[in-house]
Amino acid sequence: MEPIILSGTTTTFKVHLDKSKGIFEFEGRSRPEDVIGFFEPIFEWFEKYRIDPNPETIIKFKLDYFNSSTAKVLLRFLAFIERLNKDGLDIKIEWYYNPNDEDMFEVGQDFESLIDVGFDFIETE
């Protein structure tokens, strides 16, 4: 399965999805004009991944900022991940946050409350 590796820009997340290395990471800022177009290949990649997943999948979110359009698609993505988890995939979510960024911590808590997948909250420096 081909990895998705996208360098972050001033308007899009850095994305690293690599089944063979067990890397599933989203990092940075997101405020793209076409957030659905940005995320559609990610949804498609996970649809393929669900056919032959790793024994354990840890999805890491290391986010600095995202706009409301991205928040809506992230929630859709997390609901999709929740369905994969209910289908038997062993999925965990790590939500990284700077202790000085209370908003990002609270957004992670809000997302966790909306889906049935546990979050591990990890402070960064």
C-alpha atoms as a PDB file:
ATOM      1  CA  MET A   1       0.000   0.000   0.000  1.00  0.00           C
ATOM      2  CA  GLU A   2       1.467   3.304  -1.102  1.00  0.00           C
ATOM      3  CA  PRO A   3       2.010   5.839   1.672  1.00  0.00           C
ATOM      4  CA  ILE A   4       0.605   9.349   1.628  1.00  0.00           C
ATOM      5  CA  ILE A   5       3.260  11.868   2.557  1.00  0.00           C
ATOM      6  CA  LEU A   6       2.296  15.524   2.246  1.00  0.00           C
ATOM      7  CA  SER A   7       4.541  18.355   3.318  1.00  0.00           C
ATOM      8  CA  GLY A   8       2.743  20.914   5.383  1.00  0.00           C
ATOM      9  CA  THR A   9       2.156  24.340   3.910  1.00  0.00           C
ATOM     10  CA  THR A  10       0.946  27.600   5.372  1.00  0.00           C
ATOM     11  CA  THR A  11      -2.615  26.399   4.731  1.00  0.00           C
ATOM     12  CA  THR A  12      -2.502  22.590   5.008  1.00  0.00           C
ATOM     13  CA  PHE A  13      -1.465  19.935   7.491  1.00  0.00           C
ATOM     14  CA  LYS A  14       1.630  17.823   7.121  1.00  0.00           C
ATOM     15  CA  VAL A  15       0.268  14.297   6.607  1.00  0.00           C
ATOM     16  CA  HIS A  16       2.241  11.070   6.914  1.00  0.00           C
ATOM     17  CA  LEU A  17       0.325   7.835   6.439  1.00  0.00           C
ATOM     18  CA  ASP A  18       2.608   4.840   6.017  1.00  0.00           C
ATOM     19  CA  LYS A  19       1.202   1.399   6.763  1.00  0.00           C
ATOM     20  CA  SER A  20       4.557  -0.392   6.491  1.00  0.00           C
ATOM     21  CA  LYS A  21       6.191   1.908   9.071  1.00  0.00           C
ATOM     22  CA  GLY A  22       3.088   2.195  11.254  1.00  0.00           C
ATOM     23  CA  ILE A  23       3.018   5.988  10.925  1.00  0.00           C
ATOM     24  CA  PHE A  24      -0.325   7.808  10.917  1.00  0.00           C
ATOM     25  CA  GLU A  25       0.269  11.501  11.644  1.00  0.00           C
ATOM     26  CA  PHE A  26      -1.342  14.873  11.059  1.00  0.00           C
ATOM     27  CA  GLU A  27       0.642  17.944  12.032  1.00  0.00           C
ATOM     28  CA  GLY A  28       0.539  21.712  11.777  1.00  0.00           C
ATOM     29  CA  ARG A  29      -2.076  24.164  10.570  1.00  0.00           C
ATOM     30  CA  SER A  30      -5.085  23.786   8.302  1.00  0.00           C
ATOM     31  CA  ARG A  31      -7.113  26.461   6.568  1.00  0.00           C
ATOM     32  CA  PRO A  32      -7.265  25.330   2.935  1.00  0.00           C
ATOM     33  CA  GLU A  33      -9.798  26.703   0.501  1.00  0.00           C
ATOM     34  CA  ASP A  34     -10.841  23.170  -0.484  1.00  0.00           C
ATOM     35  CA  VAL A  35     -10.670  21.197   2.754  1.00  0.00           C
ATOM     36  CA  ILE A  36     -12.823  18.371   1.365  1.00  0.00           C
ATOM     37  CA  GLY A  37     -10.532  18.008  -1.641  1.00  0.00           C
ATOM     38  CA  PHE A  38      -7.547  17.894   0.697  1.00  0.00           C
ATOM     39  CA  PHE A  39      -9.042  15.168   2.914  1.00  0.00           C
ATOM     40  CA  GLU A  40     -10.698  13.001   0.239  1.00  0.00           C
ATOM     41  CA  PRO A  41      -7.491  11.064  -0.601  1.00  0.00           C
ATOM     42  CA  ILE A  42      -7.014  10.469   3.131  1.00  0.00           C
ATOM     43  CA  PHE A  43     -10.481   8.935   3.440  1.00  0.00           C
ATOM     44  CA  GLU A  44      -9.794   6.797   0.357  1.00  0.00           C
ATOM     45  CA  TRP A  45      -6.443   5.666   1.799  1.00  0.00           C
ATOM     46  CA  PHE A  46      -8.074   4.544   5.049  1.00  0.00           C
ATOM     47  CA  GLU A  47     -10.797   2.717   3.092  1.00  0.00           C
ATOM     48  CA  LYS A  48      -8.026   0.632   1.485  1.00  0.00           C
ATOM     49  CA  TYR A  49      -6.189   0.322   4.797  1.00  0.00           C
ATOM     50  CA  ARG A  50      -9.241  -1.198   6.499  1.00  0.00           C
ATOM     51  CA  ILE A  51      -8.975  -4.247   4.183  1.00  0.00           C
ATOM     52  CA  ASP A  52      -5.535  -5.208   5.538  1.00  0.00           C
ATOM     53  CA  PRO A  53      -4.780  -3.130   8.648  1.00  0.00           C
ATOM     54  CA  ASN A  54      -1.851  -3.318  11.007  1.00  0.00           C
ATOM     55  CA  PRO A  55      -2.470  -5.134  14.311  1.00  0.00           C
ATOM     56  CA  GLU A  56      -2.543  -1.722  16.028  1.00  0.00           C
ATOM     57  CA  THR A  57      -3.119   1.750  14.594  1.00  0.00           C
ATOM     58  CA  ILE A  58      -2.173   4.883  16.511  1.00  0.00           C
ATOM     59  CA  ILE A  59      -3.270   8.084  14.808  1.00  0.00           C
ATOM     60  CA  LYS A  60      -1.340  11.122  16.022  1.00  0.00           C
ATOM     61  CA  PHE A  61      -2.677  14.656  15.838  1.00  0.00           C
ATOM     62  CA  LYS A  62      -0.079  17.368  16.442  1.00  0.00           C
ATOM     63  CA  LEU A  63      -2.103  20.402  15.497  1.00  0.00           C
ATOM     64  CA  ASP A  64      -1.391  24.104  15.945  1.00  0.00           C
ATOM     65  CA  TYR A  65      -4.489  25.573  14.357  1.00  0.00           C
ATOM     66  CA  PHE A  66      -7.405  24.696  12.108  1.00  0.00           C
ATOM     67  CA  ASN A  67     -10.385  26.654  10.874  1.00  0.00           C
ATOM     68  CA  SER A  68     -14.048  25.739  11.255  1.00  0.00           C
ATOM     69  CA  SER A  69     -14.189  24.048   7.824  1.00  0.00           C
ATOM     70  CA  THR A  70     -11.310  21.800   8.820  1.00  0.00           C
ATOM     71  CA  ALA A  71     -12.979  21.097  12.186  1.00  0.00           C
ATOM     72  CA  LYS A  72     -16.070  19.789  10.387  1.00  0.00           C
ATOM     73  CA  VAL A  73     -14.019  17.478   8.179  1.00  0.00           C
ATOM     74  CA  LEU A  74     -11.897  16.350  11.135  1.00  0.00           C
ATOM     75  CA  LEU A  75     -15.070  15.392  12.963  1.00  0.00           C
ATOM     76  CA  ARG A  76     -16.244  13.489   9.880  1.00  0.00           C
ATOM     77  CA  PHE A  77     -12.833  11.780   9.741  1.00  0.00           C
ATOM     78  CA  LEU A  78     -12.982  10.870  13.441  1.00  0.00           C
ATOM     79  CA  ALA A  79     -16.492   9.435  12.992  1.00  0.00           C
ATOM     80  CA  PHE A  80     -15.083   7.378  10.105  1.00  0.00           C
ATOM     81  CA  ILE A  81     -12.253   6.177  12.385  1.00  0.00           C
ATOM     82  CA  GLU A  82     -14.849   5.294  15.016  1.00  0.00           C
ATOM     83  CA  ARG A  83     -16.654   3.071  12.477  1.00  0.00           C
ATOM     84  CA  LEU A  84     -13.372   1.357  11.594  1.00  0.00           C
ATOM     85  CA  ASN A  85     -12.755   0.768  15.293  1.00  0.00           C
ATOM     86  CA  LYS A  86     -16.237  -0.724  15.726  1.00  0.00           C
ATOM     87  CA  ASP A  87     -15.535  -2.938  12.692  1.00  0.00           C
ATOM     88  CA  GLY A  88     -12.669  -4.499  14.643  1.00  0.00           C
ATOM     89  CA  LEU A  89      -9.612  -2.365  13.878  1.00  0.00           C
ATOM     90  CA  ASP A  90      -7.528  -1.631  16.971  1.00  0.00           C
ATOM     91  CA  ILE A  91      -7.306   2.166  16.737  1.00  0.00           C
ATOM     92  CA  LYS A  92      -6.034   4.652  19.288  1.00  0.00           C
ATOM     93  CA  ILE A  93      -5.774   8.409  18.975  1.00  0.00           C
ATOM     94  CA  GLU A  94      -2.959  10.501  20.421  1.00  0.00           C
ATOM     95  CA  TRP A  95      -3.789  14.194  20.700  1.00  0.00           C
ATOM     96  CA  TYR A  96      -0.678  16.307  21.244  1.00  0.00           C
ATOM     97  CA  TYR A  97      -1.055  19.785  22.670  1.00  0.00           C
ATOM     98  CA  ASN A  98       1.051  22.574  24.038  1.00  0.00           C
ATOM     99  CA  PRO A  99       0.132  23.184  27.703  1.00  0.00           C
ATOM    100  CA  ASN A 100      -0.024  26.922  26.884  1.00  0.00           C
ATOM    101  CA  ASP A 101      -2.674  26.257  24.217  1.00  0.00           C
ATOM    102  CA  GLU A 102      -5.772  25.546  26.251  1.00  0.00           C
ATOM    103  CA  ASP A 103      -8.023  25.847  23.188  1.00  0.00           C
ATOM    104  CA  MET A 104      -6.355  22.982  21.316  1.00  0.00           C
ATOM    105  CA  PHE A 105      -6.539  20.779  24.400  1.00  0.00           C
ATOM    106  CA  GLU A 106     -10.253  21.552  24.796  1.00  0.00           C
ATOM    107  CA  VAL A 107     -10.948  20.873  21.115  1.00  0.00           C
ATOM    108  CA  GLY A 108      -9.372  17.442  21.546  1.00  0.00           C
ATOM    109  CA  GLN A 109     -11.572  16.818  24.565  1.00  0.00           C
ATOM    110  CA  ASP A 110     -14.637  17.916  22.594  1.00  0.00           C
ATOM    111  CA  PHE A 111     -13.779  15.555  19.745  1.00  0.00           C
ATOM    112  CA  GLU A 112     -13.200  12.700  22.190  1.00  0.00           C
ATOM    113  CA  SER A 113     -16.621  13.263  23.753  1.00  0.00           C
ATOM    114  CA  LEU A 114     -18.295  12.917  20.341  1.00  0.00           C
ATOM    115  CA  ILE A 115     -16.845   9.562  19.309  1.00  0.00           C
ATOM    116  CA  ASP A 116     -16.326   6.180  20.911  1.00  0.00           C
ATOM    117  CA  VAL A 117     -12.552   5.947  20.514  1.00  0.00           C
ATOM    118  CA  GLY A 118     -10.241   6.730  23.383  1.00  0.00           C
ATOM    119  CA  PHE A 119      -7.843   9.652  23.177  1.00  0.00           C
ATOM    120  CA  ASP A 120      -4.480   9.859  24.891  1.00  0.00           C
ATOM    121  CA  PHE A 121      -3.627  13.506  25.578  1.00  0.00           C
ATOM    122  CA  ILE A 122       0.089  14.194  25.395  1.00  0.00           C
ATOM    123  CA  GLU A 123       1.718  17.476  26.388  1.00  0.00           C
ATOM    124  CA  THR A 124       4.399  18.867  24.118  1.00  0.00           C
ATOM    125  CA  GLU A 125       6.979  21.497  24.891  1.00  0.00           C
END
